[in-house]
Amino acid sequence: MKTQRLLLIILLLISCKISYGDIIPDNSHYVNKCVKITNVENYPEILLIGYSIGVSSSMSIPAYSISSSDCLTKGYKYNSLAIYAAQKSYLTGKDITAIDWTKDGNAVKSNMDIECYGGFLDDSNPISAIDQFYRIVGFTDNSVVLYKWKEINKFNNGKPDSTKIYAFSGDSSKLSQRIMTKVTPIRYNSTIDLYPNPAHKNLHIKLNNSYQGDVSFVIRNVEGKEVKSTHVSKPVASADYSVNVDHLARGTYFVSIVMGKAVVCKIFNIN
């Protein structure tokens, strides 16, 4: 009798495990996906937090701190990943795993949902891995604004990696570069032109806005490494500056235009 009962328990456990497991589709392969937010360390006053809510409380994972070097995780594939930002000064002495981030008014949620689970693809699709890279652009009163700036697809049929670079489609000059509630973000009615694009020896940056003061141009490559910076003065509303890029290799670059507390990011190429 005891043996039969033990066998019944084992069968029930196996059945429960199978019911919660994945069913692997026929003629398919798993695609590994790594998603990173690459410029978190550019905002040292904030903590970026991943908060994964499962289909049941037992399937949720604790809130965790996001760094630029780590792939985002959300636990089980049916979990929902939420990303929040909060000031480190507010979190001093607090356990981030004990905070209900959905209700905490001192945190702001990201403007988009990011899917960081790869899943299965039909064998007719040769993609074997996907790497996606996001950036923090700035903050509104109630959100941290992210955008996907690069995606790399890898293949299992010998085809070389495919890389796509994306430009931010919004107006970053309307975003604050600090997460400060009750503070109105600095905005400049701004027109910024880069030419020629692609550039060869010199990149011209034409600024037409109400800002007057010191301006910095910080150029980074697609890996996020700073390759050149220039500081100028802008005493008038409209000004045109020439930045020498003759020493830079061909490729895609980002230029951050820093005007006081406002930062505008533009993309350009060198041929």
Protein backbone atom coordinates (compact mmCIF):
# COMPACT_ATOMS: atom_id res chain seq x y z
CA MET A 1 0.00 0.00 0.00
CA LYS A 2 2.83 2.42 0.95
CA THR A 3 4.62 1.58 -2.29
CA GLN A 4 1.50 2.33 -4.34
CA ARG A 5 0.98 5.63 -2.51
CA LEU A 6 4.60 6.63 -3.11
CA LEU A 7 4.29 5.81 -6.81
CA LEU A 8 1.09 7.88 -7.01
CA ILE A 9 2.82 10.88 -5.40
CA ILE A 10 5.76 10.61 -7.81
CA LEU A 11 3.38 10.47 -10.80
CA LEU A 12 1.52 13.52 -9.55
CA LEU A 13 4.76 15.46 -9.10
CA ILE A 14 5.89 14.55 -12.60
CA SER A 15 2.51 15.55 -14.01
CA CYS A 16 2.63 18.93 -12.24
CA LYS A 17 6.16 19.59 -13.47
CA ILE A 18 5.18 18.82 -17.04
CA SER A 19 2.12 21.05 -16.86
CA TYR A 20 4.30 24.06 -15.97
CA GLY A 21 7.10 23.26 -18.38
CA ASP A 22 7.69 24.55 -21.88
CA ILE A 23 6.52 22.61 -24.89
CA ILE A 24 9.31 22.78 -27.47
CA PRO A 25 7.81 23.15 -30.95
CA ASP A 26 8.85 20.65 -33.59
CA ASN A 27 11.51 21.76 -36.08
CA SER A 28 12.49 24.75 -33.98
CA HIS A 29 15.53 26.07 -32.14
CA TYR A 30 16.02 28.30 -29.11
CA VAL A 31 17.20 31.87 -29.66
CA ASN A 32 19.26 33.39 -26.88
CA LYS A 33 18.55 37.08 -26.31
CA CYS A 34 20.69 39.54 -24.36
CA VAL A 35 19.34 43.03 -23.69
CA LYS A 36 21.51 45.72 -22.10
CA ILE A 37 21.02 49.36 -21.14
CA THR A 38 24.45 50.66 -21.99
CA ASN A 39 24.73 54.10 -20.39
CA VAL A 40 23.40 53.52 -16.87
CA GLU A 41 26.71 54.65 -15.36
CA ASN A 42 26.30 58.06 -17.04
CA TYR A 43 23.61 58.77 -14.42
CA PRO A 44 25.45 58.09 -11.13
CA GLU A 45 22.75 59.74 -9.00
CA ILE A 46 20.09 57.16 -9.92
CA LEU A 47 19.55 53.45 -9.49
CA LEU A 48 17.90 51.67 -12.41
CA ILE A 49 15.79 48.78 -11.16
CA GLY A 50 14.41 45.70 -12.87
CA TYR A 51 11.17 44.48 -11.34
CA SER A 52 9.81 41.19 -12.67
CA ILE A 53 6.20 40.33 -11.92
CA GLY A 54 5.23 36.72 -12.57
CA VAL A 55 1.91 35.16 -13.48
CA SER A 56 1.80 34.12 -9.82
CA SER A 57 3.62 35.48 -6.76
CA SER A 58 5.74 32.33 -6.57
CA MET A 59 7.06 32.97 -10.11
CA SER A 60 8.09 36.61 -9.53
CA ILE A 61 11.74 37.47 -8.96
CA PRO A 62 13.07 40.11 -6.55
CA ALA A 63 13.81 43.63 -7.77
CA TYR A 64 17.43 44.00 -8.86
CA SER A 65 19.86 46.77 -9.76
CA ILE A 66 20.57 47.13 -13.50
CA SER A 67 24.12 47.77 -14.71
CA SER A 68 25.41 48.45 -18.22
CA SER A 69 27.34 45.16 -18.37
CA ASP A 70 24.54 42.75 -17.45
CA CYS A 71 21.81 41.26 -19.60
CA LEU A 72 18.32 42.05 -18.34
CA THR A 73 16.42 39.18 -16.82
CA LYS A 74 12.80 38.63 -15.93
CA GLY A 75 12.76 35.00 -14.78
CA TYR A 76 10.12 32.84 -16.41
CA LYS A 77 9.17 33.75 -19.99
CA TYR A 78 5.60 34.72 -19.03
CA ASN A 79 6.79 37.22 -16.44
CA SER A 80 6.43 40.94 -17.09
CA LEU A 81 9.59 43.04 -16.74
CA ALA A 82 9.15 46.59 -15.48
CA ILE A 83 12.02 49.09 -15.27
CA TYR A 84 12.07 51.90 -12.73
CA ALA A 85 14.50 54.66 -11.81
CA ALA A 86 14.93 56.23 -8.39
CA GLN A 87 17.44 58.53 -6.74
CA LYS A 88 20.16 56.67 -4.83
CA SER A 89 19.82 59.19 -2.01
CA TYR A 90 16.20 58.12 -1.54
CA LEU A 91 17.18 54.45 -1.44
CA THR A 92 19.92 54.80 1.17
CA GLY A 93 19.30 52.20 3.86
CA LYS A 94 16.34 50.68 2.01
CA ASP A 95 15.92 47.13 0.73
CA ILE A 96 14.90 47.47 -2.93
CA THR A 97 13.38 43.97 -2.87
CA ALA A 98 10.90 45.07 -0.17
CA ILE A 99 9.56 48.09 -2.09
CA ASP A 100 6.33 47.92 -4.09
CA TRP A 101 7.65 49.79 -7.13
CA THR A 102 4.22 49.98 -8.74
CA LYS A 103 3.04 52.27 -5.92
CA ASP A 104 6.20 54.14 -4.87
CA GLY A 105 5.86 57.80 -5.84
CA ASN A 106 9.62 58.37 -5.58
CA ALA A 107 10.28 56.15 -8.62
CA VAL A 108 9.54 56.70 -12.29
CA LYS A 109 8.75 53.90 -14.74
CA SER A 110 10.32 53.46 -18.15
CA ASN A 111 8.45 54.75 -21.19
CA MET A 112 8.49 51.33 -22.90
CA ASP A 113 8.26 47.63 -22.21
CA ILE A 114 11.39 45.65 -23.10
CA GLU A 115 11.12 41.98 -24.02
CA CYS A 116 14.31 40.20 -22.94
CA TYR A 117 13.24 36.59 -23.56
CA GLY A 118 14.39 34.99 -26.81
CA GLY A 119 12.17 31.95 -27.19
CA PHE A 120 11.93 29.51 -30.07
CA LEU A 121 12.06 30.13 -33.82
CA ASP A 122 11.23 27.81 -36.69
CA ASP A 123 14.32 26.13 -38.17
CA SER A 124 13.63 27.94 -41.43
CA ASN A 125 14.71 31.16 -39.65
CA PRO A 126 18.51 31.06 -39.18
CA ILE A 127 18.70 33.58 -36.33
CA SER A 128 20.49 31.95 -33.39
CA ALA A 129 20.99 34.90 -31.02
CA ILE A 130 19.85 38.51 -30.61
CA ASP A 131 21.72 41.28 -28.79
CA GLN A 132 19.80 44.50 -28.16
CA PHE A 133 21.20 47.70 -26.69
CA TYR A 134 19.18 50.52 -25.12
CA ARG A 135 20.11 53.95 -23.76
CA ILE A 136 18.67 56.32 -21.20
CA VAL A 137 17.82 59.54 -23.05
CA GLY A 138 16.51 61.52 -20.09
CA PHE A 139 13.54 61.98 -17.78
CA THR A 140 10.07 63.45 -17.86
CA ASP A 141 8.09 64.22 -14.71
CA ASN A 142 6.85 60.64 -14.55
CA SER A 143 9.10 58.42 -16.68
CA VAL A 144 12.65 57.45 -17.53
CA VAL A 145 12.93 57.58 -21.34
CA LEU A 146 14.72 54.69 -23.03
CA TYR A 147 15.30 53.88 -26.67
CA LYS A 148 16.84 51.00 -28.61
CA TRP A 149 19.95 52.25 -30.39
CA LYS A 150 21.48 49.01 -31.67
CA GLU A 151 20.51 45.43 -32.48
CA ILE A 152 22.79 42.56 -33.54
CA ASN A 153 21.36 39.37 -35.01
CA LYS A 154 23.54 36.25 -35.15
CA PHE A 155 22.92 33.31 -37.46
CA ASN A 156 23.46 29.55 -37.46
CA ASN A 157 23.98 29.16 -41.21
CA GLY A 158 27.36 30.86 -41.57
CA LYS A 159 25.87 34.25 -42.46
CA PRO A 160 27.78 37.18 -40.87
CA ASP A 161 26.24 39.08 -37.98
CA SER A 162 23.71 41.73 -38.91
CA THR A 163 23.95 45.08 -37.08
CA LYS A 164 21.35 47.86 -37.14
CA ILE A 165 21.80 51.32 -35.59
CA TYR A 166 18.76 53.42 -34.67
CA ALA A 167 18.40 57.14 -33.96
CA PHE A 168 16.14 58.49 -31.22
CA SER A 169 12.93 59.69 -32.87
CA GLY A 170 11.87 62.14 -30.16
CA ASP A 171 13.17 65.54 -29.09
CA SER A 172 15.73 64.93 -26.34
CA SER A 173 16.05 68.67 -25.66
CA LYS A 174 12.64 68.46 -23.97
CA LEU A 175 13.93 65.94 -21.44
CA SER A 176 15.60 66.63 -18.12
CA GLN A 177 18.94 64.95 -17.48
CA ARG A 178 18.14 64.61 -13.79
CA ILE A 179 15.40 62.63 -12.09
CA MET A 180 13.92 65.45 -10.04
CA THR A 181 10.22 65.59 -9.30
CA LYS A 182 8.71 69.06 -8.81
CA VAL A 183 11.41 70.52 -11.07
CA THR A 184 10.39 71.56 -14.55
CA PRO A 185 12.76 70.10 -17.17
CA ILE A 186 14.80 72.62 -19.12
CA ARG A 187 13.48 73.03 -22.67
CA TYR A 188 14.86 74.96 -25.58
CA ASN A 189 12.94 75.50 -28.79
CA SER A 190 15.77 74.11 -30.80
CA THR A 191 16.90 73.39 -34.34
CA ILE A 192 20.11 71.39 -34.60
CA ASP A 193 21.56 70.39 -37.95
CA LEU A 194 24.56 68.19 -38.73
CA TYR A 195 26.22 68.49 -42.13
CA PRO A 196 27.64 67.03 -44.23
CA ASN A 197 26.33 63.67 -43.15
CA PRO A 198 28.20 61.45 -43.86
CA ALA A 199 31.12 63.65 -42.83
CA HIS A 200 34.65 63.42 -44.22
CA LYS A 201 37.17 65.75 -42.56
CA ASN A 202 34.90 68.09 -40.63
CA LEU A 203 31.44 67.82 -39.13
CA HIS A 204 29.45 71.04 -38.95
CA ILE A 205 26.98 71.46 -36.09
CA LYS A 206 24.52 74.31 -36.52
CA LEU A 207 22.62 75.37 -33.40
CA ASN A 208 19.59 77.63 -33.56
CA ASN A 209 17.93 78.04 -30.17
CA SER A 210 17.51 80.42 -27.26
CA TYR A 211 20.34 78.94 -25.21
CA GLN A 212 23.44 81.08 -24.68
CA GLY A 213 26.49 79.87 -22.78
CA ASP A 214 29.02 77.05 -22.81
CA VAL A 215 28.37 74.11 -25.14
CA SER A 216 30.09 70.72 -25.24
CA PHE A 217 30.18 68.31 -28.18
CA VAL A 218 30.94 64.75 -27.02
CA ILE A 219 31.39 62.15 -29.77
CA ARG A 220 31.06 58.44 -29.00
CA ASN A 221 31.38 55.37 -31.19
CA VAL A 222 28.72 52.65 -31.41
CA GLU A 223 30.26 50.91 -28.40
CA GLY A 224 29.62 53.99 -26.28
CA LYS A 225 33.31 54.92 -25.96
CA GLU A 226 34.12 58.63 -26.02
CA VAL A 227 36.44 59.36 -28.96
CA LYS A 228 36.41 63.16 -29.03
CA SER A 229 35.09 66.11 -27.04
CA THR A 230 35.08 69.82 -27.83
CA HIS A 231 33.98 72.79 -25.76
CA VAL A 232 32.79 76.05 -27.30
CA SER A 233 30.95 79.21 -26.34
CA LYS A 234 27.54 80.12 -27.76
CA PRO A 235 26.92 83.86 -27.25
CA VAL A 236 24.12 84.17 -29.82
CA ALA A 237 20.94 82.36 -30.78
CA SER A 238 22.26 80.92 -34.07
CA ALA A 239 25.80 79.57 -34.38
CA ASP A 240 27.67 77.15 -36.64
CA TYR A 241 30.61 75.09 -35.38
CA SER A 242 33.10 72.89 -37.22
CA VAL A 243 34.45 69.78 -35.46
CA ASN A 244 37.44 67.99 -36.99
CA VAL A 245 36.76 64.24 -37.36
CA ASP A 246 39.55 63.45 -39.82
CA HIS A 247 41.25 61.13 -37.31
CA LEU A 248 38.16 58.98 -36.75
CA ALA A 249 37.59 55.71 -38.64
CA ARG A 250 34.69 55.19 -40.99
CA GLY A 251 31.48 54.21 -39.27
CA THR A 252 28.53 55.42 -37.23
CA TYR A 253 28.91 57.84 -34.31
CA PHE A 254 26.77 59.66 -31.77
CA VAL A 255 27.34 63.28 -30.79
CA SER A 256 25.92 64.57 -27.51
CA ILE A 257 25.35 68.33 -27.56
CA VAL A 258 25.39 69.57 -23.97
CA MET A 259 23.80 72.97 -23.34
CA GLY A 260 23.73 73.58 -19.61
CA LYS A 261 21.53 70.83 -18.16
CA ALA A 262 19.98 69.95 -21.52
CA VAL A 263 21.52 67.25 -23.71
CA VAL A 264 20.61 66.48 -27.31
CA CYS A 265 21.93 63.31 -28.95
CA LYS A 266 22.37 63.11 -32.73
CA ILE A 267 23.67 60.35 -35.00
CA PHE A 268 26.06 60.80 -37.93
CA ASN A 269 28.38 58.79 -40.15
CA ILE A 270 31.95 59.18 -41.38
CA ASN A 271 32.93 57.87 -44.78
